[in-house]
């Protein structure tokens, strides 16, 4: 069951973060003119130097039309309170968000569409496929946040700001979608 009071508190934290002035530090920016693509990762700090927001945006317009947009918000203690994912590729797309308290899911919303998976199916079969897929991937309120609902991306690296910063500082880390 959704704790509506806790969700409202988490939503208030996100709203407050969106109203304060944050300093952006670009982690990476790549532009590939051949595929008309770019990748951006930015971390946003408050005036005390605390990580409050992370943004990842990757767009490719080379015929695949793939993209990922991710926002992660952190409270003053560096704990993840909200994460939003918007992913798409030429075959489908999905959106999801999670409100998190102490690493556990307080509330979430998500949808996924896979046009390639639905080729040749009737509307009734498409609806059944979507429902079965949603039931299989749907997270459980109160459980720890582990993977995204749509593409099963590993989200455990986002649970605490210190963990995310350690990963981003790693010279060997490139940021493959399976990991991050």
Foldseek 3Di string as FASTA:
>chain_A
DFPVVLLVVLVVQVVVVVPADWDKDWLDWDADPVQRKIWTWIWTAHPVRATAKIWIWIATNNPFRWIKIKMWGAGPQQFTAKMWIWTDTNFWTKIKMFGDDQQFTNDMDMFIDGNVVCPPHDPVVRVVVRVVLCVVQPDDGGHGDAADSYPRAGPPCRRGRVSVVVLSPDPPHDCDRNHD
